[in-house]
């Protein structure tokens, strides 16, 4: 398994079997490395805003006790990503 995951750590597909001509080596005879680290392949950015409002209910209607809570949640998220392509 470590032949596929160098140092036992899973990597992006570009590093799997690196150096073996029969496995993911698009440039036959090339000495240039096609391996990328996880940090080199791209970034994901996310901004999240959230709010929650809750009201507890403890009352009686027509002689029946009513208890519980009601809540409203608002979430706004914004994501963007960048990827790199090796030329």
PDB file of N, CA and C in Angstrom:
ATOM      1  N   UNK A   1       0.817  -1.196   0.000  1.00  0.00           N
ATOM      2  CA  UNK A   1       0.000   0.000   0.000  1.00  0.00           C
ATOM      3  C   UNK A   1       0.859   1.257   0.000  1.00  0.00           C
ATOM      4  N   UNK A   2       2.010   1.236   0.661  1.00  0.00           N
ATOM      5  CA  UNK A   2       2.856   2.426   0.696  1.00  0.00           C
ATOM      6  C   UNK A   2       3.431   2.777  -0.668  1.00  0.00           C
ATOM      7  N   UNK A   3       3.443   1.819  -1.616  1.00  0.00           N
ATOM      8  CA  UNK A   3       3.902   2.149  -2.968  1.00  0.00           C
ATOM      9  C   UNK A   3       2.933   3.127  -3.621  1.00  0.00           C
ATOM     10  N   UNK A   4       1.657   3.022  -3.264  1.00  0.00           N
ATOM     11  CA  UNK A   4       0.649   3.917  -3.834  1.00  0.00           C
ATOM     12  C   UNK A   4       0.497   5.186  -3.017  1.00  0.00           C
ATOM     13  N   UNK A   5       0.740   5.131  -1.736  1.00  0.00           N
ATOM     14  CA  UNK A   5       0.655   6.298  -0.863  1.00  0.00           C
ATOM     15  C   UNK A   5       2.029   6.525  -0.235  1.00  0.00           C
ATOM     16  N   UNK A   6       2.870   7.366  -0.845  1.00  0.00           N
ATOM     17  CA  UNK A   6       4.198   7.612  -0.292  1.00  0.00           C
ATOM     18  C   UNK A   6       4.115   8.028   1.172  1.00  0.00           C
ATOM     19  N   UNK A   7       4.961   7.468   1.993  1.00  0.00           N
ATOM     20  CA  UNK A   7       5.006   7.722   3.438  1.00  0.00           C
ATOM     21  C   UNK A   7       3.706   7.324   4.131  1.00  0.00           C
ATOM     22  N   UNK A   8       2.872   6.513   3.459  1.00  0.00           N
ATOM     23  CA  UNK A   8       1.625   6.071   4.054  1.00  0.00           C
ATOM     24  C   UNK A   8       0.538   7.131   4.090  1.00  0.00           C
ATOM     25  N   UNK A   9       0.759   8.295   3.448  1.00  0.00           N
ATOM     26  CA  UNK A   9      -0.204   9.395   3.455  1.00  0.00           C
ATOM     27  C   UNK A   9      -0.867   9.483   2.084  1.00  0.00           C
ATOM     28  N   UNK A  10      -2.211   9.401   2.009  1.00  0.00           N
ATOM     29  CA  UNK A  10      -2.888   9.520   0.715  1.00  0.00           C
ATOM     30  C   UNK A  10      -2.570  10.850   0.040  1.00  0.00           C
ATOM     31  N   UNK A  11      -2.335  10.821  -1.252  1.00  0.00           N
ATOM     32  CA  UNK A  11      -1.981  12.002  -2.037  1.00  0.00           C
ATOM     33  C   UNK A  11      -2.934  12.117  -3.220  1.00  0.00           C
ATOM     34  N   UNK A  12      -2.953  13.272  -3.899  1.00  0.00           N
ATOM     35  CA  UNK A  12      -3.764  13.386  -5.114  1.00  0.00           C
ATOM     36  C   UNK A  12      -3.326  12.372  -6.161  1.00  0.00           C
ATOM     37  N   UNK A  13      -4.205  12.075  -7.095  1.00  0.00           N
ATOM     38  CA  UNK A  13      -3.940  11.056  -8.110  1.00  0.00           C
ATOM     39  C   UNK A  13      -2.656  11.316  -8.889  1.00  0.00           C
ATOM     40  N   UNK A  14      -2.221  12.576  -9.005  1.00  0.00           N
ATOM     41  CA  UNK A  14      -1.023  12.881  -9.771  1.00  0.00           C
ATOM     42  C   UNK A  14       0.228  12.231  -9.181  1.00  0.00           C
ATOM     43  N   UNK A  15       0.216  11.864  -7.895  1.00  0.00           N
ATOM     44  CA  UNK A  15       1.403  11.273  -7.284  1.00  0.00           C
ATOM     45  C   UNK A  15       1.345   9.754  -7.224  1.00  0.00           C
ATOM     46  N   UNK A  16       0.212   9.148  -7.498  1.00  0.00           N
ATOM     47  CA  UNK A  16       0.085   7.702  -7.374  1.00  0.00           C
ATOM     48  C   UNK A  16       0.994   7.011  -8.372  1.00  0.00           C
ATOM     49  N   UNK A  17       1.786   6.101  -7.903  1.00  0.00           N
ATOM     50  CA  UNK A  17       2.649   5.327  -8.783  1.00  0.00           C
ATOM     51  C   UNK A  17       3.693   6.162  -9.489  1.00  0.00           C
ATOM     52  N   UNK A  18       4.049   7.288  -8.940  1.00  0.00           N
ATOM     53  CA  UNK A  18       5.006   8.192  -9.572  1.00  0.00           C
ATOM     54  C   UNK A  18       6.313   7.466  -9.879  1.00  0.00           C
ATOM     55  N   UNK A  19       6.772   7.577 -11.101  1.00  0.00           N
ATOM     56  CA  UNK A  19       8.027   6.947 -11.496  1.00  0.00           C
ATOM     57  C   UNK A  19       7.861   5.603 -12.170  1.00  0.00           C
ATOM     58  N   UNK A  20       6.726   4.954 -12.015  1.00  0.00           N
ATOM     59  CA  UNK A  20       6.474   3.673 -12.656  1.00  0.00           C
ATOM     60  C   UNK A  20       5.874   3.944 -14.033  1.00  0.00           C
ATOM     61  N   UNK A  21       6.569   3.572 -15.130  1.00  0.00           N
ATOM     62  CA  UNK A  21       6.076   3.908 -16.457  1.00  0.00           C
ATOM     63  C   UNK A  21       4.717   3.298 -16.785  1.00  0.00           C
ATOM     64  N   UNK A  22       4.306   2.278 -16.073  1.00  0.00           N
ATOM     65  CA  UNK A  22       3.016   1.659 -16.352  1.00  0.00           C
ATOM     66  C   UNK A  22       1.863   2.296 -15.598  1.00  0.00           C
ATOM     67  N   UNK A  23       2.169   3.246 -14.733  1.00  0.00           N
ATOM     68  CA  UNK A  23       1.127   3.831 -13.888  1.00  0.00           C
ATOM     69  C   UNK A  23       1.180   5.352 -13.959  1.00  0.00           C
ATOM     70  N   UNK A  24       0.148   5.967 -14.485  1.00  0.00           N
ATOM     71  CA  UNK A  24      -0.021   7.421 -14.523  1.00  0.00           C
ATOM     72  C   UNK A  24       1.276   8.144 -14.871  1.00  0.00           C
ATOM     73  N   UNK A  25       1.766   7.910 -16.051  1.00  0.00           N
ATOM     74  CA  UNK A  25       2.961   8.602 -16.519  1.00  0.00           C
ATOM     75  C   UNK A  25       2.698   9.049 -17.952  1.00  0.00           C
ATOM     76  N   UNK A  26       2.033  10.186 -18.148  1.00  0.00           N
ATOM     77  CA  UNK A  26       1.585  10.581 -19.471  1.00  0.00           C
ATOM     78  C   UNK A  26       2.705  10.939 -20.439  1.00  0.00           C
ATOM     79  N   UNK A  27       3.857  11.306 -19.957  1.00  0.00           N
ATOM     80  CA  UNK A  27       4.948  11.720 -20.832  1.00  0.00           C
ATOM     81  C   UNK A  27       6.013  10.628 -20.861  1.00  0.00           C
ATOM     82  N   UNK A  28       5.904   9.737 -21.815  1.00  0.00           N
ATOM     83  CA  UNK A  28       6.843   8.621 -21.935  1.00  0.00           C
ATOM     84  C   UNK A  28       8.267   9.150 -22.076  1.00  0.00           C
ATOM     85  N   UNK A  29       9.166   8.669 -21.244  1.00  0.00           N
ATOM     86  CA  UNK A  29      10.566   9.064 -21.306  1.00  0.00           C
ATOM     87  C   UNK A  29      10.868  10.397 -20.641  1.00  0.00           C
ATOM     88  N   UNK A  30       9.874  11.059 -20.094  1.00  0.00           N
ATOM     89  CA  UNK A  30      10.093  12.355 -19.456  1.00  0.00           C
ATOM     90  C   UNK A  30      10.713  12.162 -18.080  1.00  0.00           C
ATOM     91  N   UNK A  31      11.655  13.022 -17.732  1.00  0.00           N
ATOM     92  CA  UNK A  31      12.259  12.974 -16.399  1.00  0.00           C
ATOM     93  C   UNK A  31      11.625  14.013 -15.482  1.00  0.00           C
ATOM     94  N   UNK A  32      10.745  14.823 -16.024  1.00  0.00           N
ATOM     95  CA  UNK A  32      10.079  15.864 -15.238  1.00  0.00           C
ATOM     96  C   UNK A  32       9.049  15.236 -14.303  1.00  0.00           C
ATOM     97  N   UNK A  33       9.052  15.647 -13.063  1.00  0.00           N
ATOM     98  CA  UNK A  33       8.098  15.123 -12.090  1.00  0.00           C
ATOM     99  C   UNK A  33       6.711  15.692 -12.355  1.00  0.00           C
ATOM    100  N   UNK A  34       5.703  14.826 -12.319  1.00  0.00           N
ATOM    101  CA  UNK A  34       4.324  15.288 -12.462  1.00  0.00           C
ATOM    102  C   UNK A  34       3.609  15.266 -11.119  1.00  0.00           C
ATOM    103  N   UNK A  35       4.342  14.985 -10.045  1.00  0.00           N
ATOM    104  CA  UNK A  35       3.730  14.876  -8.725  1.00  0.00           C
ATOM    105  C   UNK A  35       3.464  16.259  -8.137  1.00  0.00           C
ATOM    106  N   UNK A  36       2.294  16.405  -7.529  1.00  0.00           N
ATOM    107  CA  UNK A  36       1.928  17.622  -6.809  1.00  0.00           C
ATOM    108  C   UNK A  36       1.650  17.249  -5.367  1.00  0.00           C
ATOM    109  N   UNK A  37       1.857  18.184  -4.483  1.00  0.00           N
ATOM    110  CA  UNK A  37       1.413  17.977  -3.110  1.00  0.00           C
ATOM    111  C   UNK A  37      -0.023  18.486  -3.006  1.00  0.00           C
ATOM    112  N   UNK A  38      -0.680  18.174  -1.897  1.00  0.00           N
ATOM    113  CA  UNK A  38      -2.050  18.631  -1.689  1.00  0.00           C
ATOM    114  C   UNK A  38      -2.100  20.158  -1.697  1.00  0.00           C
ATOM    115  N   UNK A  39      -1.090  20.829  -1.152  1.00  0.00           N
ATOM    116  CA  UNK A  39      -1.074  22.290  -1.098  1.00  0.00           C
ATOM    117  C   UNK A  39      -0.908  22.921  -2.467  1.00  0.00           C
ATOM    118  N   UNK A  40      -0.280  22.246  -3.401  1.00  0.00           N
ATOM    119  CA  UNK A  40      -0.049  22.804  -4.732  1.00  0.00           C
ATOM    120  C   UNK A  40      -1.249  22.678  -5.660  1.00  0.00           C
ATOM    121  N   UNK A  41      -2.189  21.811  -5.363  1.00  0.00           N
ATOM    122  CA  UNK A  41      -3.256  21.518  -6.315  1.00  0.00           C
ATOM    123  C   UNK A  41      -4.408  22.521  -6.292  1.00  0.00           C
ATOM    124  N   UNK A  42      -4.567  23.306  -5.243  1.00  0.00           N
ATOM    125  CA  UNK A  42      -5.638  24.299  -5.223  1.00  0.00           C
ATOM    126  C   UNK A  42      -6.030  24.710  -3.821  1.00  0.00           C
ATOM    127  N   UNK A  43      -6.978  25.634  -3.735  1.00  0.00           N
ATOM    128  CA  UNK A  43      -7.480  26.138  -2.458  1.00  0.00           C
ATOM    129  C   UNK A  43      -8.991  26.272  -2.524  1.00  0.00           C
ATOM    130  N   UNK A  44      -9.627  26.130  -1.369  1.00  0.00           N
ATOM    131  CA  UNK A  44     -11.056  26.367  -1.243  1.00  0.00           C
ATOM    132  C   UNK A  44     -11.241  27.420  -0.153  1.00  0.00           C
ATOM    133  N   UNK A  45     -12.057  28.422  -0.441  1.00  0.00           N
ATOM    134  CA  UNK A  45     -12.323  29.500   0.503  1.00  0.00           C
ATOM    135  C   UNK A  45     -13.804  29.479   0.847  1.00  0.00           C
ATOM    136  N   UNK A  46     -14.129  29.688   2.127  1.00  0.00           N
ATOM    137  CA  UNK A  46     -15.527  29.681   2.549  1.00  0.00           C
ATOM    138  C   UNK A  46     -15.738  30.727   3.638  1.00  0.00           C
ATOM    139  N   UNK A  47     -16.820  31.493   3.505  1.00  0.00           N
ATOM    140  CA  UNK A  47     -17.239  32.450   4.522  1.00  0.00           C
ATOM    141  C   UNK A  47     -18.659  32.077   4.924  1.00  0.00           C
ATOM    142  N   UNK A  48     -18.885  31.934   6.239  1.00  0.00           N
ATOM    143  CA  UNK A  48     -20.203  31.536   6.734  1.00  0.00           C
ATOM    144  C   UNK A  48     -20.680  32.553   7.766  1.00  0.00           C
ATOM    145  N   UNK A  49     -21.919  33.027   7.592  1.00  0.00           N
ATOM    146  CA  UNK A  49     -22.583  33.869   8.585  1.00  0.00           C
ATOM    147  C   UNK A  49     -23.828  33.114   9.034  1.00  0.00           C
ATOM    148  N   UNK A  50     -24.064  33.071  10.343  1.00  0.00           N
ATOM    149  CA  UNK A  50     -25.211  32.319  10.842  1.00  0.00           C
ATOM    150  C   UNK A  50     -25.818  33.014  12.056  1.00  0.00           C
ATOM    151  N   UNK A  51     -27.126  32.854  12.222  1.00  0.00           N
ATOM    152  CA  UNK A  51     -27.837  33.381  13.389  1.00  0.00           C
ATOM    153  C   UNK A  51     -28.948  32.399  13.751  1.00  0.00           C
ATOM    154  N   UNK A  52     -29.258  32.326  15.040  1.00  0.00           N
ATOM    155  CA  UNK A  52     -30.315  31.436  15.502  1.00  0.00           C
ATOM    156  C   UNK A  52     -31.120  32.161  16.572  1.00  0.00           C
ATOM    157  N   UNK A  53     -32.427  32.102  16.463  1.00  0.00           N
ATOM    158  CA  UNK A  53     -33.326  32.719  17.431  1.00  0.00           C
ATOM    159  C   UNK A  53     -34.275  31.636  17.925  1.00  0.00           C
ATOM    160  N   UNK A  54     -34.389  31.503  19.261  1.00  0.00           N
ATOM    161  CA  UNK A  54     -35.244  30.466  19.820  1.00  0.00           C
ATOM    162  C   UNK A  54     -36.126  31.062  20.914  1.00  0.00           C
ATOM    163  N   UNK A  55     -37.363  30.610  20.967  1.00  0.00           N
ATOM    164  CA  UNK A  55     -38.297  31.020  22.020  1.00  0.00           C
ATOM    165  C   UNK A  55     -38.836  29.771  22.705  1.00  0.00           C
ATOM    166  N   UNK A  56     -38.807  29.762  24.030  1.00  0.00           N
ATOM    167  CA  UNK A  56     -39.378  28.662  24.807  1.00  0.00           C
ATOM    168  C   UNK A  56     -40.849  28.950  25.077  1.00  0.00           C
ATOM    169  N   UNK A  57     -41.664  27.916  24.987  1.00  0.00           N
ATOM    170  CA  UNK A  57     -43.106  28.048  25.220  1.00  0.00           C
ATOM    171  C   UNK A  57     -43.461  27.229  26.454  1.00  0.00           C
ATOM    172  N   UNK A  58     -44.125  27.878  27.403  1.00  0.00           N
ATOM    173  CA  UNK A  58     -44.608  27.196  28.601  1.00  0.00           C
ATOM    174  C   UNK A  58     -45.905  27.897  29.004  1.00  0.00           C
ATOM    175  N   UNK A  59     -47.010  27.421  28.456  1.00  0.00           N
ATOM    176  CA  UNK A  59     -48.298  28.090  28.668  1.00  0.00           C
ATOM    177  C   UNK A  59     -49.415  27.058  28.781  1.00  0.00           C
ATOM    178  N   UNK A  60     -50.614  27.568  28.879  1.00  0.00           N
ATOM    179  CA  UNK A  60     -51.787  26.704  28.970  1.00  0.00           C
ATOM    180  C   UNK A  60     -52.880  27.301  28.092  1.00  0.00           C
ATOM    181  N   UNK A  61     -53.458  26.481  27.223  1.00  0.00           N
ATOM    182  CA  UNK A  61     -54.548  26.924  26.358  1.00  0.00           C
ATOM    183  C   UNK A  61     -55.738  25.994  26.581  1.00  0.00           C
ATOM    184  N   UNK A  62     -56.864  26.580  26.965  1.00  0.00           N
ATOM    185  CA  UNK A  62     -58.099  25.824  27.238  1.00  0.00           C
ATOM    186  C   UNK A  62     -57.855  24.697  28.230  1.00  0.00           C
ATOM    187  N   UNK A  63     -57.039  24.977  29.226  1.00  0.00           N
ATOM    188  CA  UNK A  63     -56.775  23.986  30.261  1.00  0.00           C
ATOM    189  C   UNK A  63     -55.724  22.950  29.898  1.00  0.00           C
ATOM    190  N   UNK A  64     -55.182  23.016  28.672  1.00  0.00           N
ATOM    191  CA  UNK A  64     -54.145  22.064  28.253  1.00  0.00           C
ATOM    192  C   UNK A  64     -52.762  22.719  28.360  1.00  0.00           C
ATOM    193  N   UNK A  65     -51.859  22.068  29.075  1.00  0.00           N
ATOM    194  CA  UNK A  65     -50.508  22.642  29.158  1.00  0.00           C
ATOM    195  C   UNK A  65     -49.773  22.485  27.819  1.00  0.00           C
ATOM    196  N   UNK A  66     -49.131  23.552  27.392  1.00  0.00           N
ATOM    197  CA  UNK A  66     -48.363  23.542  26.141  1.00  0.00           C
ATOM    198  C   UNK A  66     -46.934  23.951  26.484  1.00  0.00           C
ATOM    199  N   UNK A  67     -45.993  23.076  26.163  1.00  0.00           N
ATOM    200  CA  UNK A  67     -44.573  23.399  26.371  1.00  0.00           C
ATOM    201  C   UNK A  67     -43.793  23.032  25.113  1.00  0.00           C
ATOM    202  N   UNK A  68     -42.681  23.683  24.934  1.00  0.00           N
ATOM    203  CA  UNK A  68     -41.827  23.387  23.780  1.00  0.00           C
ATOM    204  C   UNK A  68     -40.989  24.593  23.422  1.00  0.00           C
ATOM    205  N   UNK A  69     -40.455  24.570  22.240  1.00  0.00           N
ATOM    206  CA  UNK A  69     -39.699  25.723  21.765  1.00  0.00           C
ATOM    207  C   UNK A  69     -39.840  25.836  20.258  1.00  0.00           C
ATOM    208  N   UNK A  70     -39.632  27.038  19.785  1.00  0.00           N
ATOM    209  CA  UNK A  70     -39.711  27.345  18.364  1.00  0.00           C
ATOM    210  C   UNK A  70     -38.431  28.079  18.012  1.00  0.00           C
ATOM    211  N   UNK A  71     -37.848  27.725  16.871  1.00  0.00           N
ATOM    212  CA  UNK A  71     -36.601  28.383  16.489  1.00  0.00           C
ATOM    213  C   UNK A  71     -36.537  28.682  15.008  1.00  0.00           C
ATOM    214  N   UNK A  72     -35.737  29.677  14.694  1.00  0.00           N
ATOM    215  CA  UNK A  72     -35.476  30.059  13.307  1.00  0.00           C
ATOM    216  C   UNK A  72     -33.969  30.173  13.152  1.00  0.00           C
ATOM    217  N   UNK A  73     -33.464  29.596  12.092  1.00  0.00           N
ATOM    218  CA  UNK A  73     -32.026  29.659  11.831  1.00  0.00           C
ATOM    219  C   UNK A  73     -31.790  30.268  10.455  1.00  0.00           C
ATOM    220  N   UNK A  74     -30.819  31.172  10.380  1.00  0.00           N
ATOM    221  CA  UNK A  74     -30.430  31.810   9.121  1.00  0.00           C
ATOM    222  C   UNK A  74     -28.961  31.495   8.881  1.00  0.00           C
ATOM    223  N   UNK A  75     -28.652  31.013   7.694  1.00  0.00           N
ATOM    224  CA  UNK A  75     -27.267  30.715   7.330  1.00  0.00           C
ATOM    225  C   UNK A  75     -26.998  31.259   5.940  1.00  0.00           C
ATOM    226  N   UNK A  76     -25.900  31.969   5.809  1.00  0.00           N
ATOM    227  CA  UNK A  76     -25.458  32.444   4.495  1.00  0.00           C
ATOM    228  C   UNK A  76     -24.016  31.986   4.330  1.00  0.00           C
ATOM    229  N   UNK A  77     -23.762  31.266   3.250  1.00  0.00           N
ATOM    230  CA  UNK A  77     -22.397  30.811   3.008  1.00  0.00           C
ATOM    231  C   UNK A  77     -21.968  31.197   1.602  1.00  0.00           C
ATOM    232  N   UNK A  78     -20.703  31.468   1.484  1.00  0.00           N
ATOM    233  CA  UNK A  78     -20.130  31.836   0.191  1.00  0.00           C
ATOM    234  C   UNK A  78     -18.856  31.019   0.020  1.00  0.00           C
ATOM    235  N   UNK A  79     -18.776  30.288  -1.093  1.00  0.00           N
ATOM    236  CA  UNK A  79     -17.608  29.464  -1.369  1.00  0.00           C
ATOM    237  C   UNK A  79     -16.986  29.871  -2.692  1.00  0.00           C
ATOM    238  N   UNK A  80     -15.686  29.712  -2.753  1.00  0.00           N
ATOM    239  CA  UNK A  80     -14.965  29.871  -4.017  1.00  0.00           C
ATOM    240  C   UNK A  80     -13.756  28.951  -3.968  1.00  0.00           C
ATOM    241  N   UNK A  81     -13.249  28.608  -5.123  1.00  0.00           N
ATOM    242  CA  UNK A  81     -12.082  27.729  -5.159  1.00  0.00           C
ATOM    243  C   UNK A  81     -11.186  28.100  -6.329  1.00  0.00           C
ATOM    244  N   UNK A  82      -9.940  27.723  -6.191  1.00  0.00           N
ATOM    245  CA  UNK A  82      -8.973  27.892  -7.271  1.00  0.00           C
ATOM    246  C   UNK A  82      -8.262  26.566  -7.463  1.00  0.00           C
ATOM    247  N   UNK A  83      -7.950  26.248  -8.687  1.00  0.00           N
ATOM    248  CA  UNK A  83      -7.179  25.041  -8.966  1.00  0.00           C
ATOM    249  C   UNK A  83      -6.034  25.405  -9.887  1.00  0.00           C
ATOM    250  N   UNK A  84      -5.012  24.614  -9.826  1.00  0.00           N
ATOM    251  CA  UNK A  84      -3.835  24.851 -10.642  1.00  0.00           C
ATOM    252  C   UNK A  84      -3.680  23.728 -11.655  1.00  0.00           C
ATOM    253  N   UNK A  85      -3.186  24.059 -12.802  1.00  0.00           N
ATOM    254  CA  UNK A  85      -2.916  23.061 -13.830  1.00  0.00           C
ATOM    255  C   UNK A  85      -1.461  23.197 -14.221  1.00  0.00           C
ATOM    256  N   UNK A  86      -0.765  22.099 -14.142  1.00  0.00           N
ATOM    257  CA  UNK A  86       0.642  22.124 -14.505  1.00  0.00           C
ATOM    258  C   UNK A  86       0.774  22.110 -16.019  1.00  0.00           C
ATOM    259  N   UNK A  87       1.538  23.040 -16.567  1.00  0.00           N
ATOM    260  CA  UNK A  87       1.699  23.136 -18.029  1.00  0.00           C
ATOM    261  C   UNK A  87       2.707  22.132 -18.539  1.00  0.00           C
TER     262      UNK A  87
END
